[in-house]
Amino acid sequence: MERETAARFSFLLSIPAVLASGLLELKQSLDYINFADSVNLFAATLTAAVVGYLSIELLLRFLKKRTTFIFVYYRIILGIAILSLILSNIIKP
């Protein structure tokens, strides 16, 4: 499977989980939301949707031309840094 196809498939698989979690959070917070807050909630949701869509599009364009090794290296370096900070008691798990 090509990188772009695999990435597109994984993003499509995430849609039901993200939608369900968002609806659950909305249901749980309905008691605390008034009209003024609902306008802010709608604007924030719309902004998050647009930025999320653009980010996914950018990543898919990146994957058409390049490999994912930069993400592998980034995760390894970040993991080593976090483990080092935990082992030196700078941060706590």
PDB file of N, CA and C in Angstrom:
ATOM      1  N   MET A   1       0.841  -1.172   0.000  1.00  0.00           N
ATOM      2  CA  MET A   1       0.000   0.000   0.000  1.00  0.00           C
ATOM      3  C   MET A   1       0.893   1.244   0.000  1.00  0.00           C
ATOM      4  N   GLU A   2       0.524   2.220  -0.777  1.00  0.00           N
ATOM      5  CA  GLU A   2       1.299   3.461  -0.841  1.00  0.00           C
ATOM      6  C   GLU A   2       1.131   4.265   0.448  1.00  0.00           C
ATOM      7  N   ARG A   3       2.130   5.094   0.745  1.00  0.00           N
ATOM      8  CA  ARG A   3       2.100   5.901   1.975  1.00  0.00           C
ATOM      9  C   ARG A   3       0.862   6.784   2.039  1.00  0.00           C
ATOM     10  N   GLU A   4       0.578   7.461   0.944  1.00  0.00           N
ATOM     11  CA  GLU A   4      -0.566   8.375   0.934  1.00  0.00           C
ATOM     12  C   GLU A   4      -1.877   7.623   1.148  1.00  0.00           C
ATOM     13  N   THR A   5      -2.022   6.473   0.518  1.00  0.00           N
ATOM     14  CA  THR A   5      -3.235   5.674   0.672  1.00  0.00           C
ATOM     15  C   THR A   5      -3.392   5.183   2.101  1.00  0.00           C
ATOM     16  N   ALA A   6      -2.302   4.723   2.697  1.00  0.00           N
ATOM     17  CA  ALA A   6      -2.347   4.260   4.088  1.00  0.00           C
ATOM     18  C   ALA A   6      -2.715   5.408   5.029  1.00  0.00           C
ATOM     19  N   ALA A   7      -2.146   6.589   4.808  1.00  0.00           N
ATOM     20  CA  ALA A   7      -2.448   7.742   5.658  1.00  0.00           C
ATOM     21  C   ALA A   7      -3.903   8.161   5.491  1.00  0.00           C
ATOM     22  N   ARG A   8      -4.381   8.212   4.259  1.00  0.00           N
ATOM     23  CA  ARG A   8      -5.775   8.586   4.006  1.00  0.00           C
ATOM     24  C   ARG A   8      -6.724   7.598   4.684  1.00  0.00           C
ATOM     25  N   PHE A   9      -6.400   6.297   4.588  1.00  0.00           N
ATOM     26  CA  PHE A   9      -7.213   5.257   5.211  1.00  0.00           C
ATOM     27  C   PHE A   9      -7.242   5.421   6.727  1.00  0.00           C
ATOM     28  N   SER A  10      -6.082   5.712   7.337  1.00  0.00           N
ATOM     29  CA  SER A  10      -6.050   5.866   8.792  1.00  0.00           C
ATOM     30  C   SER A  10      -6.837   7.100   9.228  1.00  0.00           C
ATOM     31  N   PHE A  11      -6.791   8.175   8.447  1.00  0.00           N
ATOM     32  CA  PHE A  11      -7.584   9.351   8.786  1.00  0.00           C
ATOM     33  C   PHE A  11      -9.077   9.057   8.659  1.00  0.00           C
ATOM     34  N   LEU A  12      -9.448   8.307   7.636  1.00  0.00           N
ATOM     35  CA  LEU A  12     -10.858   7.945   7.485  1.00  0.00           C
ATOM     36  C   LEU A  12     -11.331   7.054   8.629  1.00  0.00           C
ATOM     37  N   LEU A  13     -10.458   6.170   9.099  1.00  0.00           N
ATOM     38  CA  LEU A  13     -10.814   5.307  10.225  1.00  0.00           C
ATOM     39  C   LEU A  13     -11.011   6.106  11.515  1.00  0.00           C
ATOM     40  N   SER A  14     -10.340   7.236  11.632  1.00  0.00           N
ATOM     41  CA  SER A  14     -10.436   8.019  12.862  1.00  0.00           C
ATOM     42  C   SER A  14     -11.714   8.850  12.935  1.00  0.00           C
ATOM     43  N   ILE A  15     -12.398   9.058  11.838  1.00  0.00           N
ATOM     44  CA  ILE A  15     -13.580   9.920  11.826  1.00  0.00           C
ATOM     45  C   ILE A  15     -14.656   9.457  12.808  1.00  0.00           C
ATOM     46  N   PRO A  16     -15.064   8.185  12.818  1.00  0.00           N
ATOM     47  CA  PRO A  16     -16.109   7.786  13.777  1.00  0.00           C
ATOM     48  C   PRO A  16     -15.691   7.980  15.238  1.00  0.00           C
ATOM     49  N   ALA A  17     -14.445   7.684  15.571  1.00  0.00           N
ATOM     50  CA  ALA A  17     -13.990   7.828  16.954  1.00  0.00           C
ATOM     51  C   ALA A  17     -13.956   9.299  17.370  1.00  0.00           C
ATOM     52  N   VAL A  18     -13.454  10.155  16.515  1.00  0.00           N
ATOM     53  CA  VAL A  18     -13.385  11.583  16.835  1.00  0.00           C
ATOM     54  C   VAL A  18     -14.790  12.171  16.931  1.00  0.00           C
ATOM     55  N   LEU A  19     -15.660  11.801  16.007  1.00  0.00           N
ATOM     56  CA  LEU A  19     -17.030  12.300  16.030  1.00  0.00           C
ATOM     57  C   LEU A  19     -17.766  11.828  17.284  1.00  0.00           C
ATOM     58  N   ALA A  20     -17.621  10.554  17.617  1.00  0.00           N
ATOM     59  CA  ALA A  20     -18.299  10.019  18.804  1.00  0.00           C
ATOM     60  C   ALA A  20     -17.784  10.673  20.082  1.00  0.00           C
ATOM     61  N   SER A  21     -16.485  10.870  20.197  1.00  0.00           N
ATOM     62  CA  SER A  21     -15.954  11.498  21.410  1.00  0.00           C
ATOM     63  C   SER A  21     -16.396  12.954  21.507  1.00  0.00           C
ATOM     64  N   GLY A  22     -16.459  13.644  20.388  1.00  0.00           N
ATOM     65  CA  GLY A  22     -16.936  15.027  20.394  1.00  0.00           C
ATOM     66  C   GLY A  22     -18.397  15.126  20.793  1.00  0.00           C
ATOM     67  N   LEU A  23     -19.222  14.216  20.286  1.00  0.00           N
ATOM     68  CA  LEU A  23     -20.636  14.221  20.656  1.00  0.00           C
ATOM     69  C   LEU A  23     -20.836  13.875  22.126  1.00  0.00           C
ATOM     70  N   LEU A  24     -20.034  12.953  22.648  1.00  0.00           N
ATOM     71  CA  LEU A  24     -20.123  12.603  24.065  1.00  0.00           C
ATOM     72  C   LEU A  24     -19.737  13.790  24.942  1.00  0.00           C
ATOM     73  N   GLU A  25     -18.665  14.475  24.584  1.00  0.00           N
ATOM     74  CA  GLU A  25     -18.252  15.657  25.339  1.00  0.00           C
ATOM     75  C   GLU A  25     -19.321  16.747  25.276  1.00  0.00           C
ATOM     76  N   LEU A  26     -19.935  16.916  24.102  1.00  0.00           N
ATOM     77  CA  LEU A  26     -20.994  17.907  23.966  1.00  0.00           C
ATOM     78  C   LEU A  26     -22.175  17.551  24.858  1.00  0.00           C
ATOM     79  N   LYS A  27     -22.569  16.296  24.843  1.00  0.00           N
ATOM     80  CA  LYS A  27     -23.695  15.851  25.675  1.00  0.00           C
ATOM     81  C   LYS A  27     -23.408  16.094  27.155  1.00  0.00           C
ATOM     82  N   GLN A  28     -22.189  15.795  27.583  1.00  0.00           N
ATOM     83  CA  GLN A  28     -21.841  15.961  28.994  1.00  0.00           C
ATOM     84  C   GLN A  28     -21.745  17.423  29.410  1.00  0.00           C
ATOM     85  N   SER A  29     -21.512  18.317  28.470  1.00  0.00           N
ATOM     86  CA  SER A  29     -21.335  19.729  28.824  1.00  0.00           C
ATOM     87  C   SER A  29     -22.567  20.583  28.535  1.00  0.00           C
ATOM     88  N   LEU A  30     -23.648  19.991  28.055  1.00  0.00           N
ATOM     89  CA  LEU A  30     -24.839  20.784  27.717  1.00  0.00           C
ATOM     90  C   LEU A  30     -25.413  21.534  28.919  1.00  0.00           C
ATOM     91  N   ASP A  31     -25.283  20.986  30.114  1.00  0.00           N
ATOM     92  CA  ASP A  31     -25.816  21.655  31.304  1.00  0.00           C
ATOM     93  C   ASP A  31     -25.055  22.934  31.639  1.00  0.00           C
ATOM     94  N   TYR A  32     -23.848  23.070  31.147  1.00  0.00           N
ATOM     95  CA  TYR A  32     -22.995  24.206  31.502  1.00  0.00           C
ATOM     96  C   TYR A  32     -22.902  25.259  30.404  1.00  0.00           C
ATOM     97  N   ILE A  33     -23.544  25.029  29.274  1.00  0.00           N
ATOM     98  CA  ILE A  33     -23.405  25.928  28.120  1.00  0.00           C
ATOM     99  C   ILE A  33     -24.640  26.822  28.011  1.00  0.00           C
ATOM    100  N   ASN A  34     -24.422  28.149  27.951  1.00  0.00           N
ATOM    101  CA  ASN A  34     -25.520  29.074  27.664  1.00  0.00           C
ATOM    102  C   ASN A  34     -25.380  29.567  26.226  1.00  0.00           C
ATOM    103  N   PHE A  35     -26.238  30.504  25.815  1.00  0.00           N
ATOM    104  CA  PHE A  35     -26.226  30.930  24.418  1.00  0.00           C
ATOM    105  C   PHE A  35     -24.904  31.567  24.018  1.00  0.00           C
ATOM    106  N   ALA A  36     -24.351  32.428  24.854  1.00  0.00           N
ATOM    107  CA  ALA A  36     -23.081  33.098  24.523  1.00  0.00           C
ATOM    108  C   ALA A  36     -21.963  32.067  24.371  1.00  0.00           C
ATOM    109  N   ASP A  37     -21.979  31.065  25.234  1.00  0.00           N
ATOM    110  CA  ASP A  37     -20.965  30.016  25.127  1.00  0.00           C
ATOM    111  C   ASP A  37     -21.162  29.159  23.890  1.00  0.00           C
ATOM    112  N   SER A  38     -22.404  28.981  23.455  1.00  0.00           N
ATOM    113  CA  SER A  38     -22.650  28.146  22.279  1.00  0.00           C
ATOM    114  C   SER A  38     -22.104  28.798  21.011  1.00  0.00           C
ATOM    115  N   VAL A  39     -22.125  30.125  20.957  1.00  0.00           N
ATOM    116  CA  VAL A  39     -21.538  30.818  19.804  1.00  0.00           C
ATOM    117  C   VAL A  39     -20.026  30.578  19.781  1.00  0.00           C
ATOM    118  N   ASN A  40     -19.394  30.709  20.943  1.00  0.00           N
ATOM    119  CA  ASN A  40     -17.950  30.448  21.030  1.00  0.00           C
ATOM    120  C   ASN A  40     -17.634  28.996  20.700  1.00  0.00           C
ATOM    121  N   LEU A  41     -18.460  28.083  21.188  1.00  0.00           N
ATOM    122  CA  LEU A  41     -18.263  26.658  20.918  1.00  0.00           C
ATOM    123  C   LEU A  41     -18.366  26.369  19.430  1.00  0.00           C
ATOM    124  N   PHE A  42     -19.354  26.963  18.761  1.00  0.00           N
ATOM    125  CA  PHE A  42     -19.512  26.763  17.322  1.00  0.00           C
ATOM    126  C   PHE A  42     -18.318  27.321  16.560  1.00  0.00           C
ATOM    127  N   ALA A  43     -17.871  28.524  16.924  1.00  0.00           N
ATOM    128  CA  ALA A  43     -16.726  29.135  16.241  1.00  0.00           C
ATOM    129  C   ALA A  43     -15.462  28.310  16.452  1.00  0.00           C
ATOM    130  N   ALA A  44     -15.252  27.817  17.678  1.00  0.00           N
ATOM    131  CA  ALA A  44     -14.068  27.005  17.965  1.00  0.00           C
ATOM    132  C   ALA A  44     -14.125  25.676  17.217  1.00  0.00           C
ATOM    133  N   THR A  45     -15.305  25.069  17.154  1.00  0.00           N
ATOM    134  CA  THR A  45     -15.458  23.795  16.449  1.00  0.00           C
ATOM    135  C   THR A  45     -15.207  23.975  14.954  1.00  0.00           C
ATOM    136  N   LEU A  46     -15.747  25.028  14.386  1.00  0.00           N
ATOM    137  CA  LEU A  46     -15.543  25.305  12.963  1.00  0.00           C
ATOM    138  C   LEU A  46     -14.071  25.578  12.670  1.00  0.00           C
ATOM    139  N   THR A  47     -13.424  26.360  13.521  1.00  0.00           N
ATOM    140  CA  THR A  47     -11.996  26.649  13.343  1.00  0.00           C
ATOM    141  C   THR A  47     -11.162  25.375  13.433  1.00  0.00           C
ATOM    142  N   ALA A  48     -11.463  24.536  14.418  1.00  0.00           N
ATOM    143  CA  ALA A  48     -10.729  23.280  14.588  1.00  0.00           C
ATOM    144  C   ALA A  48     -10.931  22.366  13.377  1.00  0.00           C
ATOM    145  N   ALA A  49     -12.135  22.342  12.833  1.00  0.00           N
ATOM    146  CA  ALA A  49     -12.406  21.496  11.669  1.00  0.00           C
ATOM    147  C   ALA A  49     -11.619  21.973  10.450  1.00  0.00           C
ATOM    148  N   VAL A  50     -11.602  23.281  10.220  1.00  0.00           N
ATOM    149  CA  VAL A  50     -10.877  23.829   9.062  1.00  0.00           C
ATOM    150  C   VAL A  50      -9.372  23.604   9.206  1.00  0.00           C
ATOM    151  N   VAL A  51      -8.824  23.905  10.379  1.00  0.00           N
ATOM    152  CA  VAL A  51      -7.387  23.728  10.606  1.00  0.00           C
ATOM    153  C   VAL A  51      -7.016  22.241  10.533  1.00  0.00           C
ATOM    154  N   GLY A  52      -7.852  21.378  11.086  1.00  0.00           N
ATOM    155  CA  GLY A  52      -7.605  19.940  11.012  1.00  0.00           C
ATOM    156  C   GLY A  52      -7.602  19.436   9.578  1.00  0.00           C
ATOM    157  N   TYR A  53      -8.572  19.883   8.783  1.00  0.00           N
ATOM    158  CA  TYR A  53      -8.640  19.481   7.382  1.00  0.00           C
ATOM    159  C   TYR A  53      -7.401  19.951   6.624  1.00  0.00           C
ATOM    160  N   LEU A  54      -7.011  21.195   6.833  1.00  0.00           N
ATOM    161  CA  LEU A  54      -5.830  21.735   6.148  1.00  0.00           C
ATOM    162  C   LEU A  54      -4.551  21.013   6.588  1.00  0.00           C
ATOM    163  N   SER A  55      -4.464  20.659   7.852  1.00  0.00           N
ATOM    164  CA  SER A  55      -3.293  19.929   8.350  1.00  0.00           C
ATOM    165  C   SER A  55      -3.201  18.546   7.716  1.00  0.00           C
ATOM    166  N   ILE A  56      -4.332  17.873   7.622  1.00  0.00           N
ATOM    167  CA  ILE A  56      -4.341  16.544   6.996  1.00  0.00           C
ATOM    168  C   ILE A  56      -3.969  16.659   5.526  1.00  0.00           C
ATOM    169  N   GLU A  57      -4.502  17.664   4.852  1.00  0.00           N
ATOM    170  CA  GLU A  57      -4.165  17.864   3.439  1.00  0.00           C
ATOM    171  C   GLU A  57      -2.669  18.125   3.259  1.00  0.00           C
ATOM    172  N   LEU A  58      -2.092  18.939   4.136  1.00  0.00           N
ATOM    173  CA  LEU A  58      -0.659  19.226   4.082  1.00  0.00           C
ATOM    174  C   LEU A  58       0.157  17.954   4.313  1.00  0.00           C
ATOM    175  N   LEU A  59      -0.242  17.154   5.290  1.00  0.00           N
ATOM    176  CA  LEU A  59       0.474  15.912   5.564  1.00  0.00           C
ATOM    177  C   LEU A  59       0.379  14.947   4.384  1.00  0.00           C
ATOM    178  N   LEU A  60      -0.784  14.845   3.759  1.00  0.00           N
ATOM    179  CA  LEU A  60      -0.930  13.945   2.610  1.00  0.00           C
ATOM    180  C   LEU A  60      -0.072  14.413   1.432  1.00  0.00           C
ATOM    181  N   ARG A  61       0.005  15.717   1.224  1.00  0.00           N
ATOM    182  CA  ARG A  61       0.896  16.229   0.169  1.00  0.00           C
ATOM    183  C   ARG A  61       2.359  15.922   0.488  1.00  0.00           C
ATOM    184  N   PHE A  62       2.719  16.052   1.773  1.00  0.00           N
ATOM    185  CA  PHE A  62       4.082  15.733   2.204  1.00  0.00           C
ATOM    186  C   PHE A  62       4.395  14.267   1.937  1.00  0.00           C
ATOM    187  N   LEU A  63       3.435  13.382   2.251  1.00  0.00           N
ATOM    188  CA  LEU A  63       3.666  11.945   2.096  1.00  0.00           C
ATOM    189  C   LEU A  63       3.713  11.496   0.635  1.00  0.00           C
ATOM    190  N   LYS A  64       3.173  12.293  -0.274  1.00  0.00           N
ATOM    191  CA  LYS A  64       3.265  11.956  -1.699  1.00  0.00           C
ATOM    192  C   LYS A  64       4.706  12.003  -2.184  1.00  0.00           C
ATOM    193  N   LYS A  65       5.502  12.917  -1.612  1.00  0.00           N
ATOM    194  CA  LYS A  65       6.854  13.152  -2.111  1.00  0.00           C
ATOM    195  C   LYS A  65       7.953  12.640  -1.189  1.00  0.00           C
ATOM    196  N   ARG A  66       7.637  12.469   0.086  1.00  0.00           N
ATOM    197  CA  ARG A  66       8.679  12.119   1.052  1.00  0.00           C
ATOM    198  C   ARG A  66       8.267  10.915   1.882  1.00  0.00           C
ATOM    199  N   THR A  67       9.242  10.358   2.598  1.00  0.00           N
ATOM    200  CA  THR A  67       8.967   9.209   3.457  1.00  0.00           C
ATOM    201  C   THR A  67       8.600   9.668   4.862  1.00  0.00           C
ATOM    202  N   THR A  68       8.243   8.725   5.677  1.00  0.00           N
ATOM    203  CA  THR A  68       7.870   9.032   7.057  1.00  0.00           C
ATOM    204  C   THR A  68       9.046   8.904   8.018  1.00  0.00           C
ATOM    205  N   PHE A  69      10.245   8.717   7.522  1.00  0.00           N
ATOM    206  CA  PHE A  69      11.399   8.538   8.396  1.00  0.00           C
ATOM    207  C   PHE A  69      11.658   9.736   9.287  1.00  0.00           C
ATOM    208  N   ILE A  70      11.330  10.937   8.838  1.00  0.00           N
ATOM    209  CA  ILE A  70      11.526  12.104   9.694  1.00  0.00           C
ATOM    210  C   ILE A  70      10.673  11.987  10.948  1.00  0.00           C
ATOM    211  N   PHE A  71       9.482  11.406  10.830  1.00  0.00           N
ATOM    212  CA  PHE A  71       8.614  11.214  11.997  1.00  0.00           C
ATOM    213  C   PHE A  71       9.161  10.111  12.904  1.00  0.00           C
ATOM    214  N   VAL A  72       9.773   9.099  12.316  1.00  0.00           N
ATOM    215  CA  VAL A  72      10.385   8.024  13.107  1.00  0.00           C
ATOM    216  C   VAL A  72      11.531   8.589  13.934  1.00  0.00           C
ATOM    217  N   TYR A  73      12.402   9.354  13.308  1.00  0.00           N
ATOM    218  CA  TYR A  73      13.529   9.954  14.022  1.00  0.00           C
ATOM    219  C   TYR A  73      13.043  10.904  15.114  1.00  0.00           C
ATOM    220  N   TYR A  74      12.042  11.700  14.793  1.00  0.00           N
ATOM    221  CA  TYR A  74      11.487  12.647  15.757  1.00  0.00           C
ATOM    222  C   TYR A  74      10.956  11.916  16.979  1.00  0.00           C
ATOM    223  N   ARG A  75      10.215  10.819  16.770  1.00  0.00           N
ATOM    224  CA  ARG A  75       9.644  10.071  17.900  1.00  0.00           C
ATOM    225  C   ARG A  75      10.726   9.396  18.740  1.00  0.00           C
ATOM    226  N   ILE A  76      11.759   8.897  18.102  1.00  0.00           N
ATOM    227  CA  ILE A  76      12.855   8.272  18.851  1.00  0.00           C
ATOM    228  C   ILE A  76      13.579   9.314  19.704  1.00  0.00           C
ATOM    229  N   ILE A  77      13.896  10.465  19.120  1.00  0.00           N
ATOM    230  CA  ILE A  77      14.585  11.528  19.862  1.00  0.00           C
ATOM    231  C   ILE A  77      13.700  12.041  21.001  1.00  0.00           C
ATOM    232  N   LEU A  78      12.422  12.233  20.734  1.00  0.00           N
ATOM    233  CA  LEU A  78      11.511  12.694  21.774  1.00  0.00           C
ATOM    234  C   LEU A  78      11.385  11.660  22.895  1.00  0.00           C
ATOM    235  N   GLY A  79      11.307  10.381  22.539  1.00  0.00           N
ATOM    236  CA  GLY A  79      11.223   9.327  23.550  1.00  0.00           C
ATOM    237  C   GLY A  79      12.454   9.277  24.435  1.00  0.00           C
ATOM    238  N   ILE A  80      13.627   9.396  23.829  1.00  0.00           N
ATOM    239  CA  ILE A  80      14.872   9.408  24.605  1.00  0.00           C
ATOM    240  C   ILE A  80      14.909  10.623  25.536  1.00  0.00           C
ATOM    241  N   ALA A  81      14.467  11.776  25.026  1.00  0.00           N
ATOM    242  CA  ALA A  81      14.459  12.991  25.851  1.00  0.00           C
ATOM    243  C   ALA A  81      13.504  12.841  27.028  1.00  0.00           C
ATOM    244  N   ILE A  82      12.327  12.310  26.790  1.00  0.00           N
ATOM    245  CA  ILE A  82      11.353  12.146  27.876  1.00  0.00           C
ATOM    246  C   ILE A  82      11.855  11.135  28.898  1.00  0.00           C
ATOM    247  N   LEU A  83      12.396  10.009  28.438  1.00  0.00           N
ATOM    248  CA  LEU A  83      12.944   9.028  29.377  1.00  0.00           C
ATOM    249  C   LEU A  83      14.082   9.617  30.196  1.00  0.00           C
ATOM    250  N   SER A  84      14.931  10.419  29.562  1.00  0.00           N
ATOM    251  CA  SER A  84      16.037  11.056  30.285  1.00  0.00           C
ATOM    252  C   SER A  84      15.513  12.010  31.355  1.00  0.00           C
ATOM    253  N   LEU A  85      14.487  12.780  31.041  1.00  0.00           N
ATOM    254  CA  LEU A  85      13.908  13.707  32.011  1.00  0.00           C
ATOM    255  C   LEU A  85      13.234  12.963  33.159  1.00  0.00           C
ATOM    256  N   ILE A  86      12.603  11.833  32.864  1.00  0.00           N
ATOM    257  CA  ILE A  86      11.963  11.047  33.916  1.00  0.00           C
ATOM    258  C   ILE A  86      13.024  10.406  34.815  1.00  0.00           C
ATOM    259  N   LEU A  87      14.054   9.823  34.215  1.00  0.00           N
ATOM    260  CA  LEU A  87      15.091   9.169  34.990  1.00  0.00           C
ATOM    261  C   LEU A  87      15.902  10.141  35.850  1.00  0.00           C
ATOM    262  N   SER A  88      16.008  11.385  35.412  1.00  0.00           N
ATOM    263  CA  SER A  88      16.731  12.389  36.208  1.00  0.00           C
ATOM    264  C   SER A  88      15.809  13.145  37.160  1.00  0.00           C
ATOM    265  N   ASN A  89      14.560  12.693  37.285  1.00  0.00           N
ATOM    266  CA  ASN A  89      13.550  13.267  38.190  1.00  0.00           C
ATOM    267  C   ASN A  89      13.236  14.731  37.908  1.00  0.00           C
ATOM    268  N   ILE A  90      13.448  15.166  36.688  1.00  0.00           N
ATOM    269  CA  ILE A  90      13.045  16.536  36.305  1.00  0.00           C
ATOM    270  C   ILE A  90      11.540  16.577  36.088  1.00  0.00           C
ATOM    271  N   ILE A  91      11.004  15.526  35.485  1.00  0.00           N
ATOM    272  CA  ILE A  91       9.552  15.401  35.355  1.00  0.00           C
ATOM    273  C   ILE A  91       9.140  14.081  35.972  1.00  0.00           C
ATOM    274  N   LYS A  92       7.877  14.008  36.380  1.00  0.00           N
ATOM    275  CA  LYS A  92       7.354  12.775  36.985  1.00  0.00           C
ATOM    276  C   LYS A  92       6.298  12.188  36.064  1.00  0.00           C
ATOM    277  N   PRO A  93       6.305  10.857  35.951  1.00  0.00           N
ATOM    278  CA  PRO A  93       5.323  10.233  35.041  1.00  0.00           C
ATOM    279  C   PRO A  93       3.901  10.355  35.537  1.00  0.00           C
TER     280      PRO A  93
END
